[in-house]
């Protein structure tokens, strides 16, 4: 009898703004109906100008982040310049597609600030690469999209974008039992990246 794979929940969101990108995610890790950890990172700084928000098996997206960071450093040594968000997205897509018979159980949003402006891509477990203005993955995805569809505007500043990402994730946390226990926010502009953590004081948090 095959072992059932239990995929932890998430409310991971990323948006493009006129002056950068904002990524965010909750911190809850679950196994079935049990909360196994309350401080799990699901949003990562891959380079100073590219970030990734993730959903899926924790080990799968953690090892993927390590691989991408190493590849980004190798790209600098080979090309003499930093990797673009589009190139990073294609690299992730190719890696996931090469594993499609034994896929990593993860869905991702890759976003960054390039010389030409902000870029954002969503990817599924087999590497489908889809450019967009905003993306959400995880068990809280539909709840997050409700907020993003209603309130997102392409001319948002990153300051307003941080508030929108926080609102989308808080909305998901309030209704999705698989996500919660705080919010990590990663903001990337032409000047680099900054991270912050927001507490969520709700029943059971």
Protein backbone atom coordinates (compact mmCIF):
# COMPACT_ATOMS: atom_id res chain seq x y z
CA UNK A 1 0.00 0.00 0.00
CA UNK A 2 1.45 3.36 -1.04
CA UNK A 3 2.27 5.85 1.68
CA UNK A 4 0.09 8.97 1.59
CA UNK A 5 2.01 12.22 1.11
CA UNK A 6 0.77 14.98 3.40
CA UNK A 7 1.63 18.42 2.03
CA UNK A 8 1.80 21.21 4.64
CA UNK A 9 -0.36 24.27 4.04
CA UNK A 10 0.71 27.82 3.26
CA UNK A 11 -0.49 31.29 2.43
CA UNK A 12 2.30 32.58 0.19
CA UNK A 13 1.83 35.74 -1.89
CA UNK A 14 3.96 37.94 -4.16
CA UNK A 15 3.17 41.09 -6.14
CA UNK A 16 4.87 43.41 -8.61
CA UNK A 17 4.96 47.11 -7.71
CA UNK A 18 6.12 50.06 -9.76
CA UNK A 19 9.35 50.29 -7.76
CA UNK A 20 9.97 46.67 -6.78
CA UNK A 21 8.37 43.44 -5.61
CA UNK A 22 6.93 42.25 -2.30
CA UNK A 23 6.75 38.61 -1.20
CA UNK A 24 5.20 37.20 1.95
CA UNK A 25 4.14 33.99 3.64
CA UNK A 26 2.85 32.58 6.90
CA UNK A 27 4.99 30.41 9.23
CA UNK A 28 2.83 27.40 10.12
CA UNK A 29 3.95 23.86 9.24
CA UNK A 30 1.43 21.03 9.49
CA UNK A 31 1.31 17.25 9.14
CA UNK A 32 -2.26 16.23 8.52
CA UNK A 33 -4.29 17.93 11.26
CA UNK A 34 -1.28 18.53 13.52
CA UNK A 35 0.74 21.76 13.74
CA UNK A 36 4.33 20.54 13.76
CA UNK A 37 6.14 23.90 13.74
CA UNK A 38 5.22 27.57 14.20
CA UNK A 39 8.35 29.26 12.80
CA UNK A 40 8.87 27.69 9.37
CA UNK A 41 10.21 30.05 6.69
CA UNK A 42 8.42 29.85 3.34
CA UNK A 43 9.71 33.07 1.74
CA UNK A 44 13.40 33.26 0.85
CA UNK A 45 15.95 35.75 -0.42
CA UNK A 46 17.65 33.80 -3.23
CA UNK A 47 19.89 36.73 -4.19
CA UNK A 48 19.91 40.36 -3.08
CA UNK A 49 17.47 41.13 -5.93
CA UNK A 50 15.42 37.92 -6.30
CA UNK A 51 13.08 36.25 -3.84
CA UNK A 52 10.92 33.14 -3.76
CA UNK A 53 7.68 32.30 -1.93
CA UNK A 54 6.93 28.60 -1.60
CA UNK A 55 4.29 26.02 -0.79
CA UNK A 56 4.69 22.26 -0.45
CA UNK A 57 6.94 19.77 1.29
CA UNK A 58 9.35 21.77 3.41
CA UNK A 59 12.44 19.72 2.56
CA UNK A 60 11.70 20.02 -1.16
CA UNK A 61 11.59 23.79 -1.30
CA UNK A 62 14.46 24.17 1.20
CA UNK A 63 16.84 22.11 -0.96
CA UNK A 64 15.64 23.98 -4.05
CA UNK A 65 16.58 27.30 -2.43
CA UNK A 66 20.09 25.97 -1.67
CA UNK A 67 20.50 24.85 -5.29
CA UNK A 68 19.29 28.19 -6.67
CA UNK A 69 21.59 30.21 -4.43
CA UNK A 70 24.55 28.14 -5.57
CA UNK A 71 23.55 28.47 -9.23
CA UNK A 72 23.15 32.25 -8.87
CA UNK A 73 26.70 32.50 -7.51
CA UNK A 74 28.02 30.33 -10.35
CA UNK A 75 26.21 32.57 -12.85
CA UNK A 76 28.05 35.63 -11.52
CA UNK A 77 31.40 33.85 -11.88
CA UNK A 78 30.56 32.69 -15.41
CA UNK A 79 28.77 35.75 -16.85
CA UNK A 80 30.31 38.49 -14.75
CA UNK A 81 26.92 39.95 -13.82
CA UNK A 82 23.99 39.08 -11.58
CA UNK A 83 21.34 36.70 -12.84
CA UNK A 84 18.02 38.24 -13.92
CA UNK A 85 14.67 37.20 -12.51
CA UNK A 86 13.63 35.85 -15.91
CA UNK A 87 16.76 33.72 -16.16
CA UNK A 88 16.24 32.49 -12.60
CA UNK A 89 12.64 31.62 -13.42
CA UNK A 90 13.75 29.62 -16.45
CA UNK A 91 16.41 27.87 -14.37
CA UNK A 92 13.82 26.85 -11.77
CA UNK A 93 11.43 25.76 -14.53
CA UNK A 94 14.07 23.59 -16.24
CA UNK A 95 15.09 21.99 -12.95
CA UNK A 96 11.51 21.17 -11.95
CA UNK A 97 10.69 19.84 -15.42
CA UNK A 98 13.74 17.57 -15.34
CA UNK A 99 12.26 16.04 -12.17
CA UNK A 100 8.72 15.63 -13.52
CA UNK A 101 8.70 11.82 -13.16
CA UNK A 102 9.75 12.23 -9.52
CA UNK A 103 8.55 15.79 -8.85
CA UNK A 104 9.40 18.03 -5.97
CA UNK A 105 6.14 18.62 -4.14
CA UNK A 106 6.23 22.41 -4.32
CA UNK A 107 4.55 25.36 -6.02
CA UNK A 108 6.49 28.62 -6.20
CA UNK A 109 6.37 32.31 -6.94
CA UNK A 110 9.69 33.80 -8.07
CA UNK A 111 9.90 37.60 -8.10
CA UNK A 112 12.70 40.12 -8.32
CA UNK A 113 13.88 43.57 -9.32
CA UNK A 114 15.93 43.64 -12.52
CA UNK A 115 17.70 46.54 -14.21
CA UNK A 116 14.67 46.88 -16.52
CA UNK A 117 12.13 46.71 -13.70
CA UNK A 118 10.24 44.19 -11.57
CA UNK A 119 9.44 40.65 -12.78
CA UNK A 120 7.25 37.89 -11.32
CA UNK A 121 6.63 34.26 -12.30
CA UNK A 122 4.54 31.45 -10.82
CA UNK A 123 5.60 27.81 -11.19
CA UNK A 124 3.91 24.49 -10.49
CA UNK A 125 5.62 21.23 -9.49
CA UNK A 126 6.63 20.33 -13.05
CA UNK A 127 7.98 23.73 -14.01
CA UNK A 128 5.19 25.54 -15.84
CA UNK A 129 6.52 29.12 -16.04
CA UNK A 130 3.82 31.80 -15.99
CA UNK A 131 4.58 35.55 -15.89
CA UNK A 132 2.07 37.66 -13.96
CA UNK A 133 1.59 40.83 -11.92
CA UNK A 134 0.86 38.86 -8.76
CA UNK A 135 0.79 35.27 -7.60
CA UNK A 136 -0.31 33.15 -4.67
CA UNK A 137 0.32 29.51 -3.77
CA UNK A 138 -0.75 27.21 -0.97
CA UNK A 139 -3.90 26.17 0.81
CA UNK A 140 -4.71 29.85 1.38
CA UNK A 141 -4.31 30.69 -2.32
CA UNK A 142 -7.99 31.23 -3.16
CA UNK A 143 -8.55 33.40 -0.10
CA UNK A 144 -5.48 35.48 -0.99
CA UNK A 145 -6.56 35.87 -4.61
CA UNK A 146 -9.88 37.34 -3.49
CA UNK A 147 -8.03 40.27 -1.89
CA UNK A 148 -5.49 40.62 -4.71
CA UNK A 149 -8.10 40.64 -7.47
CA UNK A 150 -10.07 43.35 -5.69
CA UNK A 151 -7.26 45.64 -4.57
CA UNK A 152 -4.15 45.14 -6.72
CA UNK A 153 -3.08 48.02 -9.00
CA UNK A 154 0.07 48.02 -11.19
CA UNK A 155 1.14 51.48 -9.92
CA UNK A 156 1.39 50.42 -6.27
CA UNK A 157 4.53 51.44 -4.41
CA UNK A 158 6.32 48.78 -2.37
CA UNK A 159 5.10 50.53 0.79
CA UNK A 160 1.48 50.05 -0.28
CA UNK A 161 2.40 46.61 -1.65
CA UNK A 162 3.61 45.45 1.77
CA UNK A 163 0.24 46.38 3.27
CA UNK A 164 -1.63 44.54 0.49
CA UNK A 165 0.48 41.38 0.87
CA UNK A 166 -0.03 41.49 4.63
CA UNK A 167 -3.80 41.92 4.19
CA UNK A 168 -4.03 39.02 1.72
CA UNK A 169 -2.12 36.69 4.04
CA UNK A 170 -4.02 37.78 7.15
CA UNK A 171 -7.28 37.10 5.30
CA UNK A 172 -6.06 33.60 4.45
CA UNK A 173 -4.84 32.92 7.98
CA UNK A 174 -8.22 33.89 9.43
CA UNK A 175 -10.01 31.16 7.42
CA UNK A 176 -7.39 28.57 6.43
CA UNK A 177 -6.50 26.26 9.34
CA UNK A 178 -3.36 25.08 7.52
CA UNK A 179 -1.68 28.50 7.67
CA UNK A 180 -0.87 30.93 10.47
CA UNK A 181 1.63 31.78 13.26
CA UNK A 182 3.04 35.00 11.85
CA UNK A 183 3.99 36.55 8.53
CA UNK A 184 7.38 36.99 6.85
CA UNK A 185 7.65 39.87 4.36
CA UNK A 186 10.47 40.27 1.82
CA UNK A 187 10.66 43.58 -0.10
CA UNK A 188 13.04 44.02 -3.03
CA UNK A 189 13.82 47.31 -4.80
CA UNK A 190 16.69 48.62 -6.93
CA UNK A 191 18.53 49.32 -3.68
CA UNK A 192 18.39 45.67 -2.56
CA UNK A 193 16.21 43.65 -0.22
CA UNK A 194 14.84 43.96 3.30
CA UNK A 195 12.99 41.45 5.48
CA UNK A 196 10.59 41.82 8.38
CA UNK A 197 8.42 39.61 10.56
CA UNK A 198 4.86 40.41 11.65
CA UNK A 199 3.18 38.76 14.60
CA UNK A 200 -0.36 37.51 14.19
CA UNK A 201 -2.37 37.57 17.41
CA UNK A 202 -5.36 35.37 16.73
CA UNK A 203 -6.95 32.51 18.64
CA UNK A 204 -4.62 29.52 18.49
CA UNK A 205 -1.62 31.49 17.19
